[in-house]
Protein backbone atom coordinates (compact mmCIF):
# COMPACT_ATOMS: atom_id res chain seq x y z
CA MET A 1 53.99 15.26 -17.63
CA LYS A 2 51.16 17.16 -19.28
CA TYR A 3 48.25 15.57 -21.13
CA MET A 4 45.62 16.88 -23.54
CA VAL A 5 42.55 15.20 -25.03
CA LEU A 6 41.18 17.16 -27.99
CA LEU A 7 37.79 15.78 -28.96
CA GLY A 8 35.97 16.63 -32.17
CA ASP A 9 32.46 15.42 -31.38
CA GLY A 10 31.05 13.20 -34.13
CA MET A 11 33.68 14.24 -36.68
CA ALA A 12 34.07 10.68 -38.05
CA ASP A 13 31.72 9.83 -40.91
CA TRP A 14 30.95 7.50 -43.77
CA PRO A 15 32.17 8.09 -47.36
CA LEU A 16 30.12 10.72 -49.17
CA PRO A 17 29.17 10.24 -52.83
CA ALA A 18 29.09 14.01 -53.29
CA TYR A 19 32.80 14.11 -52.41
CA ASP A 20 33.95 11.19 -54.58
CA GLY A 21 33.56 8.66 -51.79
CA ARG A 22 35.67 10.60 -49.28
CA THR A 23 34.67 11.33 -45.71
CA PRO A 24 34.57 14.88 -44.28
CA LEU A 25 37.86 14.15 -42.47
CA GLN A 26 39.44 13.26 -45.81
CA VAL A 27 37.99 16.29 -47.58
CA ALA A 28 38.91 18.78 -44.86
CA GLN A 29 42.33 20.45 -44.82
CA THR A 30 43.80 19.21 -41.52
CA PRO A 31 47.58 19.71 -41.54
CA ALA A 32 47.84 19.75 -37.73
CA MET A 33 45.99 16.46 -37.19
CA ASP A 34 47.85 14.91 -40.14
CA ARG A 35 51.17 15.89 -38.57
CA LEU A 36 50.07 14.57 -35.19
CA ALA A 37 49.20 11.19 -36.77
CA ASN A 38 52.53 11.14 -38.61
CA GLU A 39 54.61 12.05 -35.56
CA GLY A 40 52.78 9.72 -33.18
CA VAL A 41 50.65 6.59 -33.08
CA SER A 42 47.41 6.36 -35.00
CA GLY A 43 44.86 3.62 -35.36
CA LEU A 44 41.30 2.60 -34.57
CA PHE A 45 39.51 2.35 -31.25
CA SER A 46 35.89 1.70 -30.24
CA PRO A 47 34.45 4.13 -27.66
CA ILE A 48 30.96 2.63 -28.04
CA PRO A 49 30.96 -0.91 -26.58
CA GLU A 50 28.69 -3.40 -28.26
CA GLY A 51 25.15 -3.20 -26.93
CA LEU A 52 25.33 0.43 -25.76
CA PRO A 53 23.79 3.36 -27.65
CA PRO A 54 26.15 5.34 -29.91
CA GLY A 55 25.94 8.67 -28.12
CA SER A 56 28.21 11.35 -26.72
CA ASP A 57 27.49 10.13 -23.20
CA VAL A 58 28.92 6.65 -23.81
CA GLY A 59 31.67 7.88 -26.13
CA ASN A 60 32.94 10.61 -23.83
CA LEU A 61 32.93 8.31 -20.80
CA SER A 62 35.28 6.05 -22.79
CA LEU A 63 37.49 8.99 -23.77
CA PHE A 64 37.72 10.09 -20.15
CA GLY A 65 38.96 6.59 -19.30
CA TYR A 66 35.80 5.12 -17.75
CA ASP A 67 34.31 1.83 -18.88
CA PRO A 68 30.75 2.83 -19.89
CA ARG A 69 29.59 -0.74 -19.33
CA GLN A 70 30.12 -0.03 -15.63
CA THR A 71 29.40 3.71 -15.37
CA PHE A 72 26.73 4.61 -17.94
CA GLY A 73 23.23 5.04 -16.55
CA GLY A 74 21.75 7.74 -18.76
CA ARG A 75 22.77 11.11 -20.16
CA ALA A 76 20.56 13.42 -18.11
CA PRO A 77 21.97 12.64 -14.64
CA ILE A 78 25.46 13.45 -15.94
CA GLU A 79 24.23 16.83 -17.14
CA ALA A 80 22.45 17.31 -13.82
CA ALA A 81 25.77 16.85 -12.04
CA ASN A 82 27.22 19.76 -14.00
CA GLN A 83 24.33 21.99 -12.95
CA GLY A 84 24.83 21.05 -9.30
CA ILE A 85 21.52 19.21 -9.21
CA SER A 86 21.59 16.42 -6.63
CA LEU A 87 19.14 13.61 -7.32
CA THR A 88 17.59 11.72 -4.43
CA ASP A 89 16.85 7.99 -4.61
CA HIS A 90 13.27 8.93 -5.52
CA GLN A 91 14.19 11.14 -8.47
CA VAL A 92 15.15 10.64 -12.10
CA ALA A 93 16.50 13.24 -14.52
CA PHE A 94 15.41 13.54 -18.15
CA ARG A 95 17.17 15.46 -20.89
CA CYS A 96 14.62 18.01 -22.08
CA ASN A 97 15.16 19.34 -25.60
CA LEU A 98 13.22 22.31 -26.89
CA VAL A 99 12.25 21.17 -30.39
CA THR A 100 10.23 22.28 -33.39
CA LEU A 101 7.45 19.84 -34.29
CA GLN A 102 5.42 20.68 -37.37
CA ASP A 103 2.87 18.70 -39.38
CA GLY A 104 3.82 15.50 -37.57
CA VAL A 105 7.52 15.90 -38.37
CA MET A 106 10.59 16.64 -36.21
CA ARG A 107 11.51 19.79 -38.10
CA ASP A 108 14.35 20.90 -35.83
CA PHE A 109 15.72 19.17 -32.72
CA THR A 110 17.40 22.46 -31.69
CA ALA A 111 14.37 24.77 -32.13
CA GLY A 112 16.46 26.83 -34.51
CA HIS A 113 19.43 26.85 -32.12
CA ILE A 114 17.35 28.84 -29.68
CA THR A 115 19.42 31.05 -27.39
CA SER A 116 20.14 30.12 -23.79
CA ALA A 117 18.36 33.26 -22.60
CA GLU A 118 15.20 32.37 -24.54
CA GLY A 119 15.41 28.79 -23.31
CA ALA A 120 15.64 29.92 -19.70
CA VAL A 121 12.47 32.01 -20.08
CA LEU A 122 10.62 29.03 -21.55
CA MET A 123 11.83 26.71 -18.77
CA ALA A 124 10.44 29.18 -16.22
CA ALA A 125 7.12 29.21 -18.09
CA LEU A 126 7.01 25.40 -18.06
CA ASN A 127 7.65 25.33 -14.32
CA GLU A 128 4.87 27.83 -13.76
CA GLY A 129 2.40 26.07 -16.01
CA MET A 130 3.10 22.46 -15.02
CA ARG A 131 4.01 22.48 -11.34
CA ASP A 132 0.44 21.77 -10.20
CA ARG A 133 -0.02 18.94 -12.70
CA PHE A 134 3.23 16.96 -12.53
CA PRO A 135 5.92 16.26 -9.87
CA THR A 136 8.58 17.95 -11.97
CA MET A 137 11.13 20.75 -11.90
CA PHE A 138 12.57 22.16 -15.15
CA HIS A 139 16.17 23.41 -15.14
CA PRO A 140 17.55 25.68 -17.89
CA GLY A 141 20.72 24.69 -19.72
CA VAL A 142 22.49 25.81 -22.90
CA SER A 143 20.53 26.71 -26.05
CA TYR A 144 17.97 23.93 -26.63
CA ARG A 145 19.52 21.53 -24.08
CA HIS A 146 17.67 21.50 -20.75
CA LEU A 147 16.73 19.14 -17.93
CA VAL A 148 13.65 18.11 -16.04
CA VAL A 149 13.80 16.27 -12.71
CA PHE A 150 10.87 13.96 -12.02
CA THR A 151 10.08 12.86 -8.47
CA GLY A 152 8.70 9.35 -8.42
CA THR A 153 5.20 8.46 -7.26
CA PRO A 154 3.62 5.10 -6.40
CA GLU A 155 2.06 5.11 -9.87
CA CYS A 156 5.28 6.15 -11.63
CA THR A 157 8.50 5.17 -9.89
CA PRO A 158 12.01 6.25 -10.92
CA ASP A 159 12.65 2.70 -12.11
CA ASP A 160 9.56 2.91 -14.30
CA CYS A 161 10.96 6.09 -15.83
CA VAL A 162 14.41 4.60 -16.37
CA ALA A 163 12.83 1.64 -18.18
CA LEU A 164 11.11 3.87 -20.75
CA MET A 165 12.29 3.70 -24.35
CA CYS A 166 12.96 7.32 -25.32
CA GLU A 167 14.48 8.20 -28.70
CA PRO A 168 16.99 11.09 -28.89
CA PRO A 169 15.38 13.79 -31.04
CA HIS A 170 18.54 14.31 -33.09
CA ASN A 171 18.01 10.78 -34.44
CA ILE A 172 14.77 11.71 -36.20
CA THR A 173 15.45 15.06 -37.87
CA GLY A 174 13.11 15.56 -40.80
CA GLN A 175 11.14 12.38 -40.04
CA PRO A 176 7.61 11.76 -38.77
CA TYR A 177 8.01 11.54 -35.01
CA LYS A 178 4.91 9.60 -33.92
CA SER A 179 6.56 6.16 -34.02
CA PHE A 180 9.50 7.51 -31.99
CA LEU A 181 7.46 8.80 -29.05
CA PRO A 182 8.32 7.31 -25.60
CA LYS A 183 7.22 3.74 -25.02
CA GLY A 184 6.84 1.74 -21.83
CA LYS A 185 4.80 1.24 -18.71
CA VAL A 186 4.50 4.94 -17.82
CA ALA A 187 4.83 6.41 -21.31
CA GLU A 188 1.40 8.01 -21.09
CA LEU A 189 2.56 10.33 -18.32
CA VAL A 190 5.56 11.50 -20.34
CA LEU A 191 3.36 12.02 -23.39
CA GLU A 192 0.96 14.03 -21.25
CA MET A 193 3.85 16.25 -20.10
CA MET A 194 4.92 16.81 -23.70
CA SER A 195 1.37 17.65 -24.73
CA CYS A 196 1.02 20.09 -21.85
CA SER A 197 4.27 21.78 -22.86
CA GLN A 198 2.87 22.38 -26.33
CA GLU A 199 -0.11 24.21 -24.88
CA ILE A 200 2.19 26.44 -22.81
CA LEU A 201 4.68 27.14 -25.60
CA ARG A 202 2.20 27.67 -28.44
CA ASN A 203 1.47 31.34 -27.78
CA HIS A 204 4.41 32.26 -25.59
CA PRO A 205 5.92 35.71 -26.36
CA VAL A 206 9.37 34.17 -26.93
CA ASN A 207 7.99 32.02 -29.73
CA ALA A 208 5.94 34.86 -31.14
CA ALA A 209 9.09 36.96 -31.37
CA ARG A 210 11.06 34.10 -32.95
CA ILE A 211 8.41 33.54 -35.61
CA GLN A 212 8.28 37.28 -36.30
CA ALA A 213 12.06 37.25 -36.80
CA GLY A 214 11.88 34.24 -39.14
CA HIS A 215 13.28 31.71 -36.63
CA ALA A 216 11.93 28.29 -35.75
CA PRO A 217 9.76 28.30 -32.62
CA ALA A 218 10.20 25.95 -29.67
CA SER A 219 6.88 24.17 -30.09
CA SER A 220 7.39 21.28 -27.65
CA ILE A 221 9.67 19.59 -25.17
CA TRP A 222 11.16 16.19 -26.01
CA LEU A 223 12.22 13.98 -23.09
CA TRP A 224 14.98 11.36 -23.36
CA GLY A 225 18.34 10.27 -21.87
CA GLN A 226 16.80 9.59 -18.47
CA GLY A 227 18.61 8.05 -15.51
CA LYS A 228 19.61 8.16 -11.87
CA SER A 229 22.86 9.49 -10.42
CA PRO A 230 25.95 7.48 -11.44
CA ALA A 231 28.82 6.52 -9.14
CA MET A 232 32.31 7.20 -10.52
CA ALA A 233 35.81 7.25 -9.08
CA THR A 234 37.55 10.62 -9.35
CA TYR A 235 40.66 11.20 -11.45
CA GLN A 236 42.71 11.50 -8.28
CA GLU A 237 41.44 8.12 -7.14
CA LYS A 238 41.70 6.48 -10.54
CA PHE A 239 44.81 8.04 -12.08
CA GLY A 240 46.39 10.23 -9.39
CA ILE A 241 46.33 13.37 -11.54
CA THR A 242 44.64 16.78 -11.58
CA GLY A 243 42.83 18.23 -14.56
CA ALA A 244 40.23 20.46 -16.15
CA VAL A 245 37.43 20.20 -18.71
CA ILE A 246 36.45 22.79 -21.32
CA SER A 247 33.22 22.33 -23.26
CA ALA A 248 30.03 24.16 -24.20
CA VAL A 249 27.75 21.25 -23.30
CA ASP A 250 26.55 20.14 -19.89
CA LEU A 251 27.13 16.45 -20.65
CA VAL A 252 30.90 16.73 -20.99
CA LYS A 253 31.18 19.20 -18.12
CA GLY A 254 29.07 16.84 -16.02
CA ILE A 255 31.45 13.94 -16.63
CA GLY A 256 34.26 16.26 -15.60
CA LYS A 257 32.55 17.19 -12.34
CA LEU A 258 31.78 13.55 -11.53
CA ALA A 259 35.45 12.80 -12.22
CA GLY A 260 36.53 15.50 -9.75
CA LEU A 261 38.01 17.70 -12.47
CA ASP A 262 37.74 21.49 -12.65
CA VAL A 263 35.17 22.73 -15.16
CA ILE A 264 36.29 25.92 -16.89
CA ASP A 265 33.59 28.00 -18.54
CA VAL A 266 34.59 29.96 -21.63
CA PRO A 267 32.07 32.79 -22.19
CA GLY A 268 32.08 32.43 -25.99
CA ALA A 269 31.67 28.64 -26.04
CA THR A 270 28.38 27.98 -27.83
CA GLY A 271 28.37 24.35 -28.98
CA TRP A 272 28.12 25.52 -32.60
CA ILE A 273 30.46 26.68 -35.38
CA ASP A 274 30.53 30.19 -33.93
CA THR A 275 32.14 28.96 -30.71
CA ASP A 276 35.20 30.75 -29.31
CA TYR A 277 37.95 28.37 -30.45
CA GLU A 278 40.72 30.71 -29.36
CA GLY A 279 39.13 31.16 -25.95
CA LYS A 280 38.88 27.42 -25.48
CA ILE A 281 42.49 26.59 -26.33
CA ALA A 282 43.79 29.60 -24.37
CA ALA A 283 41.85 28.43 -21.31
CA GLY A 284 43.15 24.90 -21.82
CA LEU A 285 46.80 25.90 -22.03
CA GLU A 286 46.39 28.17 -19.01
CA ALA A 287 44.86 25.25 -17.10
CA LEU A 288 47.97 23.18 -17.79
CA GLU A 289 50.08 25.69 -15.88
CA THR A 290 48.67 24.36 -12.61
CA ARG A 291 47.17 20.99 -13.62
CA ASP A 292 48.32 17.78 -15.28
CA PHE A 293 45.51 17.26 -17.78
CA VAL A 294 42.97 19.13 -19.91
CA TYR A 295 40.04 17.82 -21.94
CA ILE A 296 38.86 20.19 -24.70
CA HIS A 297 35.61 19.24 -26.39
CA LEU A 298 34.21 20.71 -29.62
CA GLU A 299 30.55 20.08 -30.45
CA ALA A 300 30.30 21.73 -33.89
CA PRO A 301 31.06 18.75 -36.23
CA ASP A 302 28.31 16.72 -34.54
CA GLU A 303 25.76 19.52 -34.79
CA ALA A 304 26.52 20.10 -38.48
CA ALA A 305 26.16 16.39 -39.28
CA HIS A 306 22.80 16.24 -37.47
CA GLN A 307 21.63 18.89 -39.92
CA GLY A 308 22.96 16.92 -42.89
CA ARG A 309 25.32 19.80 -43.75
CA ALA A 310 28.56 18.32 -45.08
CA ASP A 311 29.88 21.79 -45.88
CA LEU A 312 29.46 22.96 -42.30
CA LYS A 313 30.93 19.74 -40.92
CA ILE A 314 34.03 20.15 -43.08
CA ARG A 315 34.33 23.76 -41.96
CA ALA A 316 34.00 22.75 -38.30
CA ILE A 317 36.72 20.10 -38.70
CA GLU A 318 39.05 22.58 -40.38
CA ASP A 319 38.42 25.16 -37.65
CA PHE A 320 39.08 22.51 -34.99
CA ASP A 321 42.37 21.60 -36.70
CA ARG A 322 43.59 25.15 -37.26
CA ARG A 323 42.33 26.83 -34.11
CA ILE A 324 42.53 24.05 -31.48
CA VAL A 325 44.90 21.28 -32.59
CA ALA A 326 47.57 23.49 -34.18
CA PRO A 327 48.02 25.70 -31.06
CA ALA A 328 48.09 22.57 -28.89
CA MET A 329 50.87 21.12 -31.00
CA ALA A 330 52.78 24.40 -30.85
CA TYR A 331 52.58 24.10 -27.06
CA GLN A 332 53.84 20.51 -27.29
CA LYS A 333 56.92 21.65 -29.20
CA THR A 334 57.99 23.84 -26.28
CA HIS A 335 56.84 21.28 -23.68
CA PRO A 336 58.23 17.94 -24.93
CA GLU A 337 56.88 16.11 -21.87
CA CYS A 338 53.35 16.72 -23.21
CA ARG A 339 51.14 14.09 -24.84
CA ILE A 340 48.16 14.93 -27.07
CA LEU A 341 45.28 12.62 -28.01
CA VAL A 342 42.90 13.60 -30.84
CA ALA A 343 39.73 11.59 -31.43
CA PRO A 344 35.97 11.66 -32.00
CA ASP A 345 33.51 10.00 -29.64
CA HIS A 346 31.26 8.35 -32.26
CA TYR A 347 30.26 8.60 -35.89
CA THR A 348 27.69 11.24 -36.79
CA THR A 349 26.85 10.61 -40.42
CA ILE A 350 25.68 13.10 -43.00
CA GLU A 351 23.69 10.33 -44.68
CA THR A 352 21.54 9.46 -41.65
CA LYS A 353 21.88 12.73 -39.69
CA THR A 354 22.48 10.69 -36.55
CA HIS A 355 25.03 8.67 -34.59
CA ALA A 356 26.55 5.31 -35.39
CA GLY A 357 28.95 2.98 -33.62
CA GLY A 358 32.05 1.32 -34.99
CA PRO A 359 35.84 1.73 -34.83
CA LEU A 360 37.01 5.35 -34.94
CA PRO A 361 40.35 6.99 -35.80
CA PHE A 362 42.59 8.26 -33.02
CA ALA A 363 46.05 9.84 -32.99
CA LEU A 364 48.35 10.13 -29.98
CA SER A 365 51.69 11.91 -30.00
CA GLY A 366 54.30 13.12 -27.56
CA TYR A 367 56.81 11.93 -25.01
CA GLY A 368 57.74 8.23 -25.20
CA ILE A 369 55.50 7.43 -28.16
CA THR A 370 57.07 5.73 -31.19
CA PRO A 371 55.41 6.56 -34.54
CA ASN A 372 53.70 3.65 -36.28
CA GLY A 373 53.67 4.91 -39.84
CA GLY A 374 50.51 7.00 -39.98
CA SER A 375 50.53 9.44 -42.88
CA ALA A 376 47.36 11.44 -42.21
CA TYR A 377 44.39 11.62 -39.86
CA SER A 378 41.25 10.00 -41.24
CA GLU A 379 39.18 6.84 -40.98
CA THR A 380 41.01 5.24 -43.93
CA ASP A 381 44.52 6.22 -42.82
CA ALA A 382 43.88 4.95 -39.29
CA THR A 383 42.77 1.61 -40.72
CA ARG A 384 45.97 1.31 -42.77
CA THR A 385 48.18 1.32 -39.68
CA GLY A 386 46.70 -2.00 -38.57
CA LEU A 387 46.39 -0.87 -34.95
CA SER A 388 43.02 -1.52 -33.32
CA LEU A 389 42.09 -1.09 -29.64
CA PRO A 390 38.77 -2.77 -28.78
CA ASP A 391 38.58 -1.36 -25.22
CA ALA A 392 38.68 2.36 -25.88
CA HIS A 393 38.50 3.36 -22.22
CA THR A 394 42.01 1.92 -21.69
CA LEU A 395 43.57 4.39 -24.16
CA VAL A 396 43.63 7.31 -21.72
CA ALA A 397 45.01 5.06 -18.98
CA GLN A 398 47.88 4.19 -21.31
CA MET A 399 48.41 7.86 -22.15
CA PHE A 400 48.82 8.61 -18.43
CA GLN A 401 51.75 6.18 -18.05
CA ASP A 402 54.97 7.94 -17.11
CA SER A 403 57.06 5.52 -19.16
CA ALA A 404 57.25 5.00 -22.90
CA ILE A 405 54.05 3.61 -24.43
CA SER A 406 54.14 0.47 -26.55
CA PHE A 407 51.21 -0.44 -28.79
CA SER A 408 51.44 -3.98 -30.12
């Protein structure tokens, strides 16, 4: 058997008045996903358990088949795992966004989608400028997404850091940020680090060049998603299968590494609408030649929704359908023992520019799966089937069954 999970990050949404009350999934032309829903099983599932934050960390853990109520301990340590960063018992990792703060407002949580090369230079400058003031080490990532590892002190322990309330910056795009700054016992130290970063970044040559070119500068760091290293069973231990992960973002690749899966880097994978779709699906199908499973993650719908751009979100969904899902289904036609699951990990709404929980549409087709009457792939069509799975992390476990799958 062969298995594929094709994940369109944040592609579910609420009805949009500008599109006659339709969601981006309903507006977008998605013949491949519609056919998958029609030929297989479609319905609703809930990757974000009640009480957990509606983020890609929790949602993707569910889609990988892990119960986030048992495995989730923060986003940053998962990303650290992908970078090969081992945390000691005395360390905690923070996600470190490069952001654009202006006139008291979170103008851009991506710093104008700053390049990875520019971000790496700024991380080096932060290490140089802050190493004598704070017990930290900055690690460059992709675009605006970076990490900082904090070594605990008697005055600020890792548990103190974990207990901080830190708001993801993508939740406050275009809003005054003061009320969203970190809160808790040791918040002052984190605020001091952020303030120090602003001094270092203010006149840095990278930012000077970006402003000259008309791009948003990286005016500050924003720390969030903190945690200590999680403990997870590997796919071999949990499911007895081999697999690979393809994504542009460290979070998803980090889950893959913790799960003992191979992480395949595609040079043109950017995490935005200009990503190399063809490179991703080609790498995924090649991976299936020697492995049982592949997880292909697309970030673009989520990023577009965070910007409030319905047009770009619809485009990203259509590109995902035409350039990822359609080739996967063509592969399935010549490999009938293959099963394909298409789903998002959470809502990312155009209206709020941030994430939301709630039941999401999924579609699963392939060997041993009896269609349940789905006509198209969307939030509304999934609801019409009447199928609802409250424990989303069990869906992948069911997909991995060798026998026919019955949803009742």
